[in-house]
Amino acid sequence: MRLCFRPDFLLAAALSCASLPVLALQPLTLDAPAGGWNRGGFTDRSEDSGVAYPYSPIDRGAQAGRTLIRGRLAAEHRARDANGKVRTPPTLVVNGNPMPLYSDTDGRFARPYAFAPGSNSVEIRSAGGESLGRLQFYEANPARPRAQLRAILAWDDDQAEVDLHVLTPDGQHAFWAHPQLSNGGGMDVDSVDGAGPEMFSMTAPLRGPYQLYVNYWGNFGSAGYHFDDSTRQRKIITCRITLVFHENTPQERRESFVVPLRKIGDLTHVKTVIF
């Protein structure tokens, strides 16, 4: 049997289809954390924080008390295009703290963060500043640690290995090779390798001066760590150091500093913080 369609019917169908909305690809899929009312500690997910994208060159194990910020970016919002060309990455903003967000080749990302009790927010912005997604949740577990002092180091070259060094008032030195201190402070071990950011935090800071330094240690690529300065993607690596005091409380305040690094081996004193 041969089917015949009248021209006026075809025209009406075409106009009807033209009026339908075009479904665009979702720019961001944010899988975790969940919005709403959360209570950490009901289940042990500490092993999840050992899995991060892009993968860290060294697996230092997981830390309890971290929550993964996990999702996937559409191709147009990744730090590299389909040909591997570098472009400005999107920004991950956690409780108002901005940091570049890098992903693997499929757009997947996972970043651990120690959320404090109370209201918390996660937002991802495009390179142009457009909000790709935002969620708010309330951490209802009062036993979760609250960082009274946090330092966040982020930089704009995902193949550069930049390190945060913190000297505490009692003379201890926190950095990638000695991340945990006996005074309760230290580096988040999930952040000391790879594209960062690196974070230092203390829930009960000692009184006295804290010395903060950044060091351009080297580069890394598919073959691992190396010290070939010619592989840099930027002539000057721009670091942003954010200090957060009494995070997630009415007394919260923050300071930010921008530090340029020009060559491997650069060591810069950022600030002396008196707590």
C-alpha atoms as a PDB file:
ATOM      1  CA  MET A   1       0.000   0.000   0.000  1.00  0.00           C
ATOM      2  CA  ARG A   2       1.337   3.443  -0.941  1.00  0.00           C
ATOM      3  CA  LEU A   3       0.877   6.256   1.548  1.00  0.00           C
ATOM      4  CA  CYS A   4       0.114   9.735   0.236  1.00  0.00           C
ATOM      5  CA  PHE A   5       0.348  13.001   2.212  1.00  0.00           C
ATOM      6  CA  ARG A   6      -1.354  16.222   1.245  1.00  0.00           C
ATOM      7  CA  PRO A   7       0.931  19.279   0.895  1.00  0.00           C
ATOM      8  CA  ASP A   8      -1.114  21.282   3.408  1.00  0.00           C
ATOM      9  CA  PHE A   9      -0.724  18.490   5.959  1.00  0.00           C
ATOM     10  CA  LEU A  10       3.064  18.431   5.458  1.00  0.00           C
ATOM     11  CA  LEU A  11       3.249  22.214   5.893  1.00  0.00           C
ATOM     12  CA  ALA A  12       1.241  22.061   9.122  1.00  0.00           C
ATOM     13  CA  ALA A  13       3.438  19.276  10.462  1.00  0.00           C
ATOM     14  CA  ALA A  14       6.592  21.227   9.642  1.00  0.00           C
ATOM     15  CA  LEU A  15       5.307  24.328  11.400  1.00  0.00           C
ATOM     16  CA  SER A  16       4.333  22.231  14.405  1.00  0.00           C
ATOM     17  CA  CYS A  17       7.827  20.725  14.632  1.00  0.00           C
ATOM     18  CA  ALA A  18       9.432  24.150  14.247  1.00  0.00           C
ATOM     19  CA  SER A  19       7.562  25.381  17.302  1.00  0.00           C
ATOM     20  CA  LEU A  20       9.012  22.661  19.540  1.00  0.00           C
ATOM     21  CA  PRO A  21      11.896  23.754  21.828  1.00  0.00           C
ATOM     22  CA  VAL A  22      15.363  22.584  20.866  1.00  0.00           C
ATOM     23  CA  LEU A  23      16.826  20.388  23.609  1.00  0.00           C
ATOM     24  CA  ALA A  24      20.372  21.551  24.374  1.00  0.00           C
ATOM     25  CA  LEU A  25      22.975  19.337  25.984  1.00  0.00           C
ATOM     26  CA  GLN A  26      23.208  19.887  29.722  1.00  0.00           C
ATOM     27  CA  PRO A  27      26.350  21.958  30.456  1.00  0.00           C
ATOM     28  CA  LEU A  28      26.870  20.357  33.867  1.00  0.00           C
ATOM     29  CA  THR A  29      25.838  17.228  35.723  1.00  0.00           C
ATOM     30  CA  LEU A  30      26.407  17.611  39.468  1.00  0.00           C
ATOM     31  CA  ASP A  31      26.123  14.220  41.164  1.00  0.00           C
ATOM     32  CA  ALA A  32      27.281  15.109  44.671  1.00  0.00           C
ATOM     33  CA  PRO A  33      26.815  16.458  47.229  1.00  0.00           C
ATOM     34  CA  ALA A  34      23.038  16.300  47.417  1.00  0.00           C
ATOM     35  CA  GLY A  35      21.083  19.464  48.069  1.00  0.00           C
ATOM     36  CA  GLY A  36      18.764  19.826  51.024  1.00  0.00           C
ATOM     37  CA  TRP A  37      19.182  18.427  54.524  1.00  0.00           C
ATOM     38  CA  ASN A  38      22.206  16.149  54.954  1.00  0.00           C
ATOM     39  CA  ARG A  39      23.738  14.410  57.911  1.00  0.00           C
ATOM     40  CA  GLY A  40      27.286  13.148  57.480  1.00  0.00           C
ATOM     41  CA  GLY A  41      28.311  10.100  59.470  1.00  0.00           C
ATOM     42  CA  PHE A  42      25.346   7.816  58.808  1.00  0.00           C
ATOM     43  CA  THR A  43      27.466   5.875  56.312  1.00  0.00           C
ATOM     44  CA  ASP A  44      31.210   5.564  55.935  1.00  0.00           C
ATOM     45  CA  ARG A  45      32.146   6.994  52.550  1.00  0.00           C
ATOM     46  CA  SER A  46      35.690   7.971  53.460  1.00  0.00           C
ATOM     47  CA  GLU A  47      37.099   5.722  50.764  1.00  0.00           C
ATOM     48  CA  ASP A  48      35.362   7.829  48.113  1.00  0.00           C
ATOM     49  CA  SER A  49      37.762  10.705  48.631  1.00  0.00           C
ATOM     50  CA  GLY A  50      40.599   8.569  47.328  1.00  0.00           C
ATOM     51  CA  VAL A  51      39.020   8.748  43.877  1.00  0.00           C
ATOM     52  CA  ALA A  52      39.496  12.124  42.226  1.00  0.00           C
ATOM     53  CA  TYR A  53      39.470  13.360  38.649  1.00  0.00           C
ATOM     54  CA  PRO A  54      41.876  14.112  37.130  1.00  0.00           C
ATOM     55  CA  TYR A  55      43.724  11.291  38.872  1.00  0.00           C
ATOM     56  CA  SER A  56      46.528  12.338  41.191  1.00  0.00           C
ATOM     57  CA  PRO A  57      49.951  10.974  40.243  1.00  0.00           C
ATOM     58  CA  ILE A  58      50.357   9.566  43.766  1.00  0.00           C
ATOM     59  CA  ASP A  59      47.679   7.760  45.769  1.00  0.00           C
ATOM     60  CA  ARG A  60      48.140   8.914  49.356  1.00  0.00           C
ATOM     61  CA  GLY A  61      44.978   7.221  50.575  1.00  0.00           C
ATOM     62  CA  ALA A  62      41.702   8.714  51.694  1.00  0.00           C
ATOM     63  CA  GLN A  63      40.772  10.932  54.604  1.00  0.00           C
ATOM     64  CA  ALA A  64      37.626  10.585  56.628  1.00  0.00           C
ATOM     65  CA  GLY A  65      35.332  13.573  56.972  1.00  0.00           C
ATOM     66  CA  ARG A  66      35.595  14.652  53.341  1.00  0.00           C
ATOM     67  CA  THR A  67      32.693  14.961  50.954  1.00  0.00           C
ATOM     68  CA  LEU A  68      33.190  14.552  47.230  1.00  0.00           C
ATOM     69  CA  ILE A  69      32.013  17.298  44.913  1.00  0.00           C
ATOM     70  CA  ARG A  70      31.462  15.134  41.880  1.00  0.00           C
ATOM     71  CA  GLY A  71      30.010  15.564  38.416  1.00  0.00           C
ATOM     72  CA  ARG A  72      30.678  15.956  34.725  1.00  0.00           C
ATOM     73  CA  LEU A  73      31.222  18.980  32.481  1.00  0.00           C
ATOM     74  CA  ALA A  74      29.996  19.274  28.914  1.00  0.00           C
ATOM     75  CA  ALA A  75      32.757  19.485  26.297  1.00  0.00           C
ATOM     76  CA  GLU A  76      32.420  23.239  25.775  1.00  0.00           C
ATOM     77  CA  HIS A  77      33.166  23.927  29.446  1.00  0.00           C
ATOM     78  CA  ARG A  78      36.273  21.777  29.902  1.00  0.00           C
ATOM     79  CA  ALA A  79      39.759  23.239  30.355  1.00  0.00           C
ATOM     80  CA  ARG A  80      40.883  21.571  27.112  1.00  0.00           C
ATOM     81  CA  ASP A  81      39.047  21.373  23.822  1.00  0.00           C
ATOM     82  CA  ALA A  82      38.742  18.264  21.636  1.00  0.00           C
ATOM     83  CA  ASN A  83      42.193  18.948  20.149  1.00  0.00           C
ATOM     84  CA  GLY A  84      43.860  19.308  23.541  1.00  0.00           C
ATOM     85  CA  LYS A  85      44.187  23.082  23.303  1.00  0.00           C
ATOM     86  CA  VAL A  86      44.289  24.755  26.708  1.00  0.00           C
ATOM     87  CA  ARG A  87      41.581  27.250  27.601  1.00  0.00           C
ATOM     88  CA  THR A  88      40.371  28.917  30.784  1.00  0.00           C
ATOM     89  CA  PRO A  89      38.794  26.319  33.095  1.00  0.00           C
ATOM     90  CA  PRO A  90      35.465  26.772  34.855  1.00  0.00           C
ATOM     91  CA  THR A  91      35.457  27.863  38.491  1.00  0.00           C
ATOM     92  CA  LEU A  92      34.328  25.805  41.450  1.00  0.00           C
ATOM     93  CA  VAL A  93      33.042  28.024  44.268  1.00  0.00           C
ATOM     94  CA  VAL A  94      32.638  26.303  47.642  1.00  0.00           C
ATOM     95  CA  ASN A  95      31.153  28.439  50.407  1.00  0.00           C
ATOM     96  CA  GLY A  96      32.363  31.503  48.524  1.00  0.00           C
ATOM     97  CA  ASN A  97      35.899  30.168  47.956  1.00  0.00           C
ATOM     98  CA  PRO A  98      36.756  30.154  44.203  1.00  0.00           C
ATOM     99  CA  MET A  99      39.150  27.639  42.655  1.00  0.00           C
ATOM    100  CA  PRO A 100      39.744  26.389  39.091  1.00  0.00           C
ATOM    101  CA  LEU A 101      37.979  23.147  38.214  1.00  0.00           C
ATOM    102  CA  TYR A 102      39.839  20.667  36.025  1.00  0.00           C
ATOM    103  CA  SER A 103      38.382  17.441  34.678  1.00  0.00           C
ATOM    104  CA  ASP A 104      39.556  14.329  32.870  1.00  0.00           C
ATOM    105  CA  THR A 105      39.178  13.895  29.109  1.00  0.00           C
ATOM    106  CA  ASP A 106      35.557  12.809  29.544  1.00  0.00           C
ATOM    107  CA  GLY A 107      34.695  15.868  31.619  1.00  0.00           C
ATOM    108  CA  ARG A 108      34.457  13.995  34.926  1.00  0.00           C
ATOM    109  CA  PHE A 109      35.623  15.753  38.076  1.00  0.00           C
ATOM    110  CA  ALA A 110      35.704  14.910  41.767  1.00  0.00           C
ATOM    111  CA  ARG A 111      37.033  17.216  44.449  1.00  0.00           C
ATOM    112  CA  PRO A 112      37.027  16.425  48.179  1.00  0.00           C
ATOM    113  CA  TYR A 113      36.037  19.103  50.674  1.00  0.00           C
ATOM    114  CA  ALA A 114      35.583  19.034  54.448  1.00  0.00           C
ATOM    115  CA  PHE A 115      32.198  20.673  54.941  1.00  0.00           C
ATOM    116  CA  ALA A 116      31.407  22.110  58.356  1.00  0.00           C
ATOM    117  CA  PRO A 117      28.069  21.897  60.177  1.00  0.00           C
ATOM    118  CA  GLY A 118      25.484  24.398  58.992  1.00  0.00           C
ATOM    119  CA  SER A 119      24.647  25.851  55.607  1.00  0.00           C
ATOM    120  CA  ASN A 120      27.009  25.058  52.721  1.00  0.00           C
ATOM    121  CA  SER A 121      26.949  25.972  49.055  1.00  0.00           C
ATOM    122  CA  VAL A 122      28.552  24.648  45.880  1.00  0.00           C
ATOM    123  CA  GLU A 123      28.490  26.520  42.577  1.00  0.00           C
ATOM    124  CA  ILE A 124      30.223  25.952  39.251  1.00  0.00           C
ATOM    125  CA  ARG A 125      30.717  28.904  36.912  1.00  0.00           C
ATOM    126  CA  SER A 126      31.803  28.900  33.300  1.00  0.00           C
ATOM    127  CA  ALA A 127      35.004  30.603  32.157  1.00  0.00           C
ATOM    128  CA  GLY A 128      32.830  33.594  31.253  1.00  0.00           C
ATOM    129  CA  GLY A 129      31.301  33.814  34.729  1.00  0.00           C
ATOM    130  CA  GLU A 130      27.938  32.207  33.918  1.00  0.00           C
ATOM    131  CA  SER A 131      26.496  29.961  36.625  1.00  0.00           C
ATOM    132  CA  LEU A 132      26.326  26.391  35.295  1.00  0.00           C
ATOM    133  CA  GLY A 133      24.834  24.963  38.458  1.00  0.00           C
ATOM    134  CA  ARG A 134      24.424  25.715  42.138  1.00  0.00           C
ATOM    135  CA  LEU A 135      23.175  23.834  45.163  1.00  0.00           C
ATOM    136  CA  GLN A 136      22.708  24.579  48.833  1.00  0.00           C
ATOM    137  CA  PHE A 137      22.639  22.021  51.602  1.00  0.00           C
ATOM    138  CA  TYR A 138      22.572  21.993  55.386  1.00  0.00           C
ATOM    139  CA  GLU A 139      24.988  19.694  57.198  1.00  0.00           C
ATOM    140  CA  ALA A 140      23.062  18.621  60.289  1.00  0.00           C
ATOM    141  CA  ASN A 141      25.801  16.634  62.014  1.00  0.00           C
ATOM    142  CA  PRO A 142      27.185  18.914  64.783  1.00  0.00           C
ATOM    143  CA  ALA A 143      30.154  16.571  65.287  1.00  0.00           C
ATOM    144  CA  ARG A 144      31.654  17.417  61.915  1.00  0.00           C
ATOM    145  CA  PRO A 145      34.875  19.440  62.378  1.00  0.00           C
ATOM    146  CA  ARG A 146      34.739  23.147  61.635  1.00  0.00           C
ATOM    147  CA  ALA A 147      37.885  24.768  60.238  1.00  0.00           C
ATOM    148  CA  GLN A 148      38.736  27.919  62.181  1.00  0.00           C
ATOM    149  CA  LEU A 149      41.678  28.554  59.863  1.00  0.00           C
ATOM    150  CA  ARG A 150      41.801  27.430  56.252  1.00  0.00           C
ATOM    151  CA  ALA A 151      44.259  28.299  53.476  1.00  0.00           C
ATOM    152  CA  ILE A 152      43.407  27.437  49.862  1.00  0.00           C
ATOM    153  CA  LEU A 153      45.988  27.562  47.069  1.00  0.00           C
ATOM    154  CA  ALA A 154      44.828  27.453  43.435  1.00  0.00           C
ATOM    155  CA  TRP A 155      46.696  28.142  40.180  1.00  0.00           C
ATOM    156  CA  ASP A 156      46.010  28.413  36.476  1.00  0.00           C
ATOM    157  CA  ASP A 157      48.178  25.690  34.887  1.00  0.00           C
ATOM    158  CA  ASP A 158      46.976  22.112  35.329  1.00  0.00           C
ATOM    159  CA  GLN A 159      50.387  20.666  34.385  1.00  0.00           C
ATOM    160  CA  ALA A 160      52.303  22.672  36.991  1.00  0.00           C
ATOM    161  CA  GLU A 161      52.923  21.265  40.454  1.00  0.00           C
ATOM    162  CA  VAL A 162      52.659  24.152  42.912  1.00  0.00           C
ATOM    163  CA  ASP A 163      52.896  23.471  46.632  1.00  0.00           C
ATOM    164  CA  LEU A 164      51.601  25.224  49.718  1.00  0.00           C
ATOM    165  CA  HIS A 165      53.897  25.307  52.754  1.00  0.00           C
ATOM    166  CA  VAL A 166      52.649  26.378  56.192  1.00  0.00           C
ATOM    167  CA  LEU A 167      54.822  26.902  59.273  1.00  0.00           C
ATOM    168  CA  THR A 168      52.761  26.851  62.488  1.00  0.00           C
ATOM    169  CA  PRO A 169      53.554  28.755  65.723  1.00  0.00           C
ATOM    170  CA  ASP A 170      55.025  25.640  67.386  1.00  0.00           C
ATOM    171  CA  GLY A 171      57.573  25.213  64.592  1.00  0.00           C
ATOM    172  CA  GLN A 172      55.878  22.439  62.620  1.00  0.00           C
ATOM    173  CA  HIS A 173      55.948  22.444  58.827  1.00  0.00           C
ATOM    174  CA  ALA A 174      52.970  21.238  56.762  1.00  0.00           C
ATOM    175  CA  PHE A 175      53.581  20.461  53.088  1.00  0.00           C
ATOM    176  CA  TRP A 176      53.093  17.627  50.595  1.00  0.00           C
ATOM    177  CA  ALA A 177      55.690  15.296  52.133  1.00  0.00           C
ATOM    178  CA  HIS A 178      54.497  15.955  55.708  1.00  0.00           C
ATOM    179  CA  PRO A 179      50.782  16.666  55.367  1.00  0.00           C
ATOM    180  CA  GLN A 180      49.552  15.880  58.895  1.00  0.00           C
ATOM    181  CA  LEU A 181      50.754  17.706  62.022  1.00  0.00           C
ATOM    182  CA  SER A 182      50.580  16.606  65.650  1.00  0.00           C
ATOM    183  CA  ASN A 183      48.862  19.885  66.614  1.00  0.00           C
ATOM    184  CA  GLY A 184      45.717  18.920  64.686  1.00  0.00           C
ATOM    185  CA  GLY A 185      46.409  20.910  61.551  1.00  0.00           C
ATOM    186  CA  GLY A 186      47.633  19.861  58.173  1.00  0.00           C
ATOM    187  CA  MET A 187      47.070  19.503  54.474  1.00  0.00           C
ATOM    188  CA  ASP A 188      44.117  17.678  53.003  1.00  0.00           C
ATOM    189  CA  VAL A 189      46.029  14.704  51.610  1.00  0.00           C
ATOM    190  CA  ASP A 190      43.568  14.401  48.715  1.00  0.00           C
ATOM    191  CA  SER A 191      44.765  17.769  47.401  1.00  0.00           C
ATOM    192  CA  VAL A 192      48.567  17.676  47.625  1.00  0.00           C
ATOM    193  CA  ASP A 193      49.138  16.109  44.184  1.00  0.00           C
ATOM    194  CA  GLY A 194      47.950  17.102  40.749  1.00  0.00           C
ATOM    195  CA  ALA A 195      46.208  20.230  39.569  1.00  0.00           C
ATOM    196  CA  GLY A 196      45.064  21.342  42.993  1.00  0.00           C
ATOM    197  CA  PRO A 197      43.724  23.215  44.768  1.00  0.00           C
ATOM    198  CA  GLU A 198      45.784  22.552  47.889  1.00  0.00           C
ATOM    199  CA  MET A 199      44.191  23.157  51.286  1.00  0.00           C
ATOM    200  CA  PHE A 200      45.528  23.534  54.806  1.00  0.00           C
ATOM    201  CA  SER A 201      43.121  23.635  57.737  1.00  0.00           C
ATOM    202  CA  MET A 202      43.021  23.677  61.527  1.00  0.00           C
ATOM    203  CA  THR A 203      39.968  23.275  63.733  1.00  0.00           C
ATOM    204  CA  ALA A 204      41.709  24.610  66.871  1.00  0.00           C
ATOM    205  CA  PRO A 205      44.513  26.930  65.745  1.00  0.00           C
ATOM    206  CA  LEU A 206      47.368  27.710  68.079  1.00  0.00           C
ATOM    207  CA  ARG A 207      47.900  31.333  69.011  1.00  0.00           C
ATOM    208  CA  GLY A 208      50.777  32.975  67.234  1.00  0.00           C
ATOM    209  CA  PRO A 209      52.234  33.533  63.759  1.00  0.00           C
ATOM    210  CA  TYR A 210      51.656  31.272  60.745  1.00  0.00           C
ATOM    211  CA  GLN A 211      54.035  31.602  57.796  1.00  0.00           C
ATOM    212  CA  LEU A 212      52.590  30.812  54.355  1.00  0.00           C
ATOM    213  CA  TYR A 213      54.746  30.060  51.297  1.00  0.00           C
ATOM    214  CA  VAL A 214      54.099  28.829  47.759  1.00  0.00           C
ATOM    215  CA  ASN A 215      56.677  26.860  45.766  1.00  0.00           C
ATOM    216  CA  TYR A 216      56.725  26.080  42.053  1.00  0.00           C
ATOM    217  CA  TRP A 217      58.087  22.563  42.498  1.00  0.00           C
ATOM    218  CA  GLY A 218      57.926  21.184  38.963  1.00  0.00           C
ATOM    219  CA  ASN A 219      55.637  19.955  36.204  1.00  0.00           C
ATOM    220  CA  PHE A 220      53.882  16.710  35.482  1.00  0.00           C
ATOM    221  CA  GLY A 221      52.404  14.989  32.465  1.00  0.00           C
ATOM    222  CA  SER A 222      51.594  11.563  31.099  1.00  0.00           C
ATOM    223  CA  ALA A 223      55.055  10.278  32.072  1.00  0.00           C
ATOM    224  CA  GLY A 224      54.830  11.606  35.637  1.00  0.00           C
ATOM    225  CA  TYR A 225      56.709  14.393  37.383  1.00  0.00           C
ATOM    226  CA  HIS A 226      59.543  16.205  35.608  1.00  0.00           C
ATOM    227  CA  PHE A 227      61.459  19.495  35.699  1.00  0.00           C
ATOM    228  CA  ASP A 228      61.361  20.545  32.046  1.00  0.00           C
ATOM    229  CA  ASP A 229      60.420  24.214  32.237  1.00  0.00           C
ATOM    230  CA  SER A 230      59.688  24.352  28.492  1.00  0.00           C
ATOM    231  CA  THR A 231      56.489  22.318  28.901  1.00  0.00           C
ATOM    232  CA  ARG A 232      54.760  25.089  30.823  1.00  0.00           C
ATOM    233  CA  GLN A 233      51.468  26.192  29.337  1.00  0.00           C
ATOM    234  CA  ARG A 234      51.820  29.757  30.669  1.00  0.00           C
ATOM    235  CA  LYS A 235      54.841  32.038  30.871  1.00  0.00           C
ATOM    236  CA  ILE A 236      53.703  33.216  34.285  1.00  0.00           C
ATOM    237  CA  ILE A 237      51.691  30.963  36.572  1.00  0.00           C
ATOM    238  CA  THR A 238      49.204  32.939  38.620  1.00  0.00           C
ATOM    239  CA  CYS A 239      48.443  31.602  42.090  1.00  0.00           C
ATOM    240  CA  ARG A 240      45.528  32.668  44.247  1.00  0.00           C
ATOM    241  CA  ILE A 241      45.769  32.104  47.988  1.00  0.00           C
ATOM    242  CA  THR A 242      42.570  32.471  49.994  1.00  0.00           C
ATOM    243  CA  LEU A 243      42.614  32.615  53.796  1.00  0.00           C
ATOM    244  CA  VAL A 244      39.349  31.832  55.567  1.00  0.00           C
ATOM    245  CA  PHE A 245      38.928  32.504  59.280  1.00  0.00           C
ATOM    246  CA  HIS A 246      36.081  30.961  61.334  1.00  0.00           C
ATOM    247  CA  GLU A 247      34.525  29.395  58.246  1.00  0.00           C
ATOM    248  CA  ASN A 248      30.752  29.071  58.130  1.00  0.00           C
ATOM    249  CA  THR A 249      30.122  31.171  61.246  1.00  0.00           C
ATOM    250  CA  PRO A 250      28.844  34.743  61.752  1.00  0.00           C
ATOM    251  CA  GLN A 251      32.476  35.745  62.437  1.00  0.00           C
ATOM    252  CA  GLU A 252      33.747  34.467  59.085  1.00  0.00           C
ATOM    253  CA  ARG A 253      36.192  36.674  57.224  1.00  0.00           C
ATOM    254  CA  ARG A 254      38.553  36.044  54.344  1.00  0.00           C
ATOM    255  CA  GLU A 255      41.590  37.485  52.622  1.00  0.00           C
ATOM    256  CA  SER A 256      42.894  36.749  49.125  1.00  0.00           C
ATOM    257  CA  PHE A 257      46.316  37.222  47.553  1.00  0.00           C
ATOM    258  CA  VAL A 258      47.583  36.806  43.986  1.00  0.00           C
ATOM    259  CA  VAL A 259      51.170  35.603  43.542  1.00  0.00           C
ATOM    260  CA  PRO A 260      53.023  35.181  40.196  1.00  0.00           C
ATOM    261  CA  LEU A 261      55.484  32.310  39.683  1.00  0.00           C
ATOM    262  CA  ARG A 262      57.910  32.583  36.768  1.00  0.00           C
ATOM    263  CA  LYS A 263      60.133  29.495  36.891  1.00  0.00           C
ATOM    264  CA  ILE A 264      60.527  26.097  38.514  1.00  0.00           C
ATOM    265  CA  GLY A 265      62.041  26.511  41.956  1.00  0.00           C
ATOM    266  CA  ASP A 266      60.376  29.837  42.756  1.00  0.00           C
ATOM    267  CA  LEU A 267      59.592  30.085  46.476  1.00  0.00           C
ATOM    268  CA  THR A 268      57.491  33.053  47.592  1.00  0.00           C
ATOM    269  CA  HIS A 269      56.527  34.117  51.094  1.00  0.00           C
ATOM    270  CA  VAL A 270      52.850  35.015  50.857  1.00  0.00           C
ATOM    271  CA  LYS A 271      51.957  36.272  54.306  1.00  0.00           C
ATOM    272  CA  THR A 272      52.508  36.034  58.036  1.00  0.00           C
ATOM    273  CA  VAL A 273      49.146  35.360  59.672  1.00  0.00           C
ATOM    274  CA  ILE A 274      48.708  36.170  63.358  1.00  0.00           C
ATOM    275  CA  PHE A 275      45.918  34.127  64.890  1.00  0.00           C
END
